[in-house]
C-alpha atoms as a PDB file:
ATOM      1  CA  MET A   1      -7.607  13.130  -6.673  1.00  0.00           C
ATOM      2  CA  TYR A   2      -4.877  10.746  -5.605  1.00  0.00           C
ATOM      3  CA  THR A   3      -1.264  11.123  -4.582  1.00  0.00           C
ATOM      4  CA  SER A   4       1.370   8.632  -5.580  1.00  0.00           C
ATOM      5  CA  GLY A   5       5.016   8.147  -4.777  1.00  0.00           C
ATOM      6  CA  THR A   6       7.597   6.008  -6.496  1.00  0.00           C
ATOM      7  CA  TRP A   7      10.556   5.122  -4.341  1.00  0.00           C
ATOM      8  CA  VAL A   8      13.850   3.275  -4.788  1.00  0.00           C
ATOM      9  CA  VAL A   9      15.299   2.580  -1.358  1.00  0.00           C
ATOM     10  CA  LYS A  10      18.981   2.256  -0.495  1.00  0.00           C
ATOM     11  CA  ALA A  11      20.107  -1.357  -0.049  1.00  0.00           C
ATOM     12  CA  GLY A  12      19.506  -2.617   3.474  1.00  0.00           C
ATOM     13  CA  LYS A  13      17.037   0.183   4.326  1.00  0.00           C
ATOM     14  CA  GLU A  14      13.852  -1.520   3.100  1.00  0.00           C
ATOM     15  CA  ASP A  15      12.266  -2.336   6.477  1.00  0.00           C
ATOM     16  CA  GLU A  16      13.288   1.006   7.949  1.00  0.00           C
ATOM     17  CA  PHE A  17      11.835   2.801   4.932  1.00  0.00           C
ATOM     18  CA  ALA A  18       8.491   1.017   5.319  1.00  0.00           C
ATOM     19  CA  ARG A  19       8.314   1.973   9.024  1.00  0.00           C
ATOM     20  CA  HIS A  20       9.178   5.609   8.333  1.00  0.00           C
ATOM     21  CA  TRP A  21       6.765   5.820   5.411  1.00  0.00           C
ATOM     22  CA  GLN A  22       3.989   4.566   7.674  1.00  0.00           C
ATOM     23  CA  GLY A  23       4.987   7.109  10.288  1.00  0.00           C
ATOM     24  CA  SER A  24       4.783   9.855   7.675  1.00  0.00           C
ATOM     25  CA  VAL A  25       1.132   9.053   6.979  1.00  0.00           C
ATOM     26  CA  ASP A  26      -0.050   8.041  10.466  1.00  0.00           C
ATOM     27  CA  ASN A  27      -0.741  11.658  11.405  1.00  0.00           C
ATOM     28  CA  LEU A  28      -2.296  12.373   8.017  1.00  0.00           C
ATOM     29  CA  VAL A  29      -4.937   9.730   8.682  1.00  0.00           C
ATOM     30  CA  LEU A  30      -5.879  11.561  11.872  1.00  0.00           C
ATOM     31  CA  GLU A  31      -6.114  14.897  10.040  1.00  0.00           C
ATOM     32  CA  PHE A  32      -7.797  13.483   6.910  1.00  0.00           C
ATOM     33  CA  PRO A  33      -9.783  10.402   8.014  1.00  0.00           C
ATOM     34  CA  ASP A  34     -11.455   9.894   4.628  1.00  0.00           C
ATOM     35  CA  THR A  35      -8.105   9.340   2.924  1.00  0.00           C
ATOM     36  CA  THR A  36      -6.472   5.911   2.674  1.00  0.00           C
ATOM     37  CA  PHE A  37      -2.752   5.339   2.213  1.00  0.00           C
ATOM     38  CA  ARG A  38      -1.162   2.199   0.797  1.00  0.00           C
ATOM     39  CA  LEU A  39       2.448   1.180   0.281  1.00  0.00           C
ATOM     40  CA  TYR A  40       3.290  -1.527  -2.257  1.00  0.00           C
ATOM     41  CA  ARG A  41       6.626  -3.276  -2.691  1.00  0.00           C
ATOM     42  CA  SER A  42       7.736  -4.695  -6.032  1.00  0.00           C
ATOM     43  CA  THR A  43       8.077  -8.467  -6.054  1.00  0.00           C
ATOM     44  CA  GLU A  44      10.589  -8.202  -8.903  1.00  0.00           C
ATOM     45  CA  GLU A  45      12.675  -5.334  -7.486  1.00  0.00           C
ATOM     46  CA  PRO A  46      12.378  -5.479  -3.683  1.00  0.00           C
ATOM     47  CA  ARG A  47      13.921  -2.032  -3.201  1.00  0.00           C
ATOM     48  CA  ARG A  48      11.227  -0.389  -5.381  1.00  0.00           C
ATOM     49  CA  TYR A  49       8.017   0.842  -3.743  1.00  0.00           C
ATOM     50  CA  LEU A  50       4.815   2.526  -4.847  1.00  0.00           C
ATOM     51  CA  SER A  51       2.607   4.532  -2.506  1.00  0.00           C
ATOM     52  CA  ILE A  52      -0.938   5.691  -3.203  1.00  0.00           C
ATOM     53  CA  GLY A  53      -3.066   8.024  -1.113  1.00  0.00           C
ATOM     54  CA  GLY A  54      -6.615   9.106  -1.674  1.00  0.00           C
ATOM     55  CA  PRO A  55      -9.159  10.008  -2.466  1.00  0.00           C
ATOM     56  CA  TRP A  56      -8.482  13.670  -1.732  1.00  0.00           C
ATOM     57  CA  ARG A  57     -11.229  16.268  -2.117  1.00  0.00           C
ATOM     58  CA  SER A  58      -9.014  18.866  -3.792  1.00  0.00           C
ATOM     59  CA  ALA A  59      -5.505  20.009  -4.623  1.00  0.00           C
ATOM     60  CA  GLU A  60      -5.813  22.435  -1.706  1.00  0.00           C
ATOM     61  CA  GLN A  61      -6.404  19.555   0.695  1.00  0.00           C
ATOM     62  CA  ILE A  62      -3.270  17.812  -0.605  1.00  0.00           C
ATOM     63  CA  GLU A  63      -1.267  21.008  -0.165  1.00  0.00           C
ATOM     64  CA  ALA A  64      -2.600  21.378   3.384  1.00  0.00           C
ATOM     65  CA  ALA A  65      -1.480  17.837   4.179  1.00  0.00           C
ATOM     66  CA  ARG A  66       1.970  18.343   2.685  1.00  0.00           C
ATOM     67  CA  SER A  67       2.469  21.566   4.616  1.00  0.00           C
ATOM     68  CA  LEU A  68       1.910  19.980   8.045  1.00  0.00           C
ATOM     69  CA  PRO A  69       5.166  20.166  10.050  1.00  0.00           C
ATOM     70  CA  THR A  70       4.772  16.575  11.263  1.00  0.00           C
ATOM     71  CA  TYR A  71       4.436  15.320   7.682  1.00  0.00           C
ATOM     72  CA  GLN A  72       7.417  17.359   6.474  1.00  0.00           C
ATOM     73  CA  ALA A  73       9.630  16.046   9.287  1.00  0.00           C
ATOM     74  CA  ALA A  74       8.588  12.443   8.685  1.00  0.00           C
ATOM     75  CA  MET A  75       9.142  12.762   4.931  1.00  0.00           C
ATOM     76  CA  ALA A  76      12.627  14.199   5.541  1.00  0.00           C
ATOM     77  CA  ASP A  77      13.429  10.956   7.408  1.00  0.00           C
ATOM     78  CA  VAL A  78      12.017   8.907   4.518  1.00  0.00           C
ATOM     79  CA  GLU A  79      14.036  10.798   1.915  1.00  0.00           C
ATOM     80  CA  ARG A  80      17.330  10.015   3.693  1.00  0.00           C
ATOM     81  CA  MET A  81      16.769   6.330   2.895  1.00  0.00           C
ATOM     82  CA  LEU A  82      16.193   6.801  -0.828  1.00  0.00           C
ATOM     83  CA  GLU A  83      18.306   6.412  -3.913  1.00  0.00           C
ATOM     84  CA  SER A  84      15.523   8.119  -5.852  1.00  0.00           C
ATOM     85  CA  GLY A  85      11.868   8.934  -5.554  1.00  0.00           C
ATOM     86  CA  GLY A  86       9.194  11.508  -5.872  1.00  0.00           C
ATOM     87  CA  LEU A  87       5.559  12.391  -5.361  1.00  0.00           C
ATOM     88  CA  SER A  88       2.874  13.082  -7.967  1.00  0.00           C
ATOM     89  CA  VAL A  89      -0.786  14.070  -7.950  1.00  0.00           C
ATOM     90  CA  TYR A  90      -3.304  12.346 -10.229  1.00  0.00           C
ATOM     91  CA  GLU A  91      -6.921  12.903 -11.134  1.00  0.00           C
ATOM     92  CA  LEU A  92      -9.226  10.096 -12.201  1.00  0.00           C
ATOM     93  CA  VAL A  93      -9.995  10.133 -15.937  1.00  0.00           C
ATOM     94  CA  ALA A  94     -11.505   6.665 -16.402  1.00  0.00           C
ATOM     95  CA  GLU A  95     -12.750   3.773 -14.287  1.00  0.00           C
ATOM     96  CA  VAL A  96     -13.814   0.260 -15.221  1.00  0.00           C
ATOM     97  CA  SER A  97     -15.407  -2.192 -12.802  1.00  0.00           C
END
């Protein structure tokens, strides 16, 4: 399972958003060392970001991560910099390599 966020950041908040997003996942890496988090920025729309986290072992593990007080506080800071955004959970259905 993977988590993904799509984010549109308020103008002028791009660098601050990236720092706060990283802060929101820094503690998660300590709690869930097998999970990797990545933040991508659109080259065409520099205020649009995509985040991906995973792999997660289960939906319960994702819920445990999201319920951590440190994560909730950090995400509250992130959300103040957004015009829009949201998180989703995905499961792998196909892979080509």
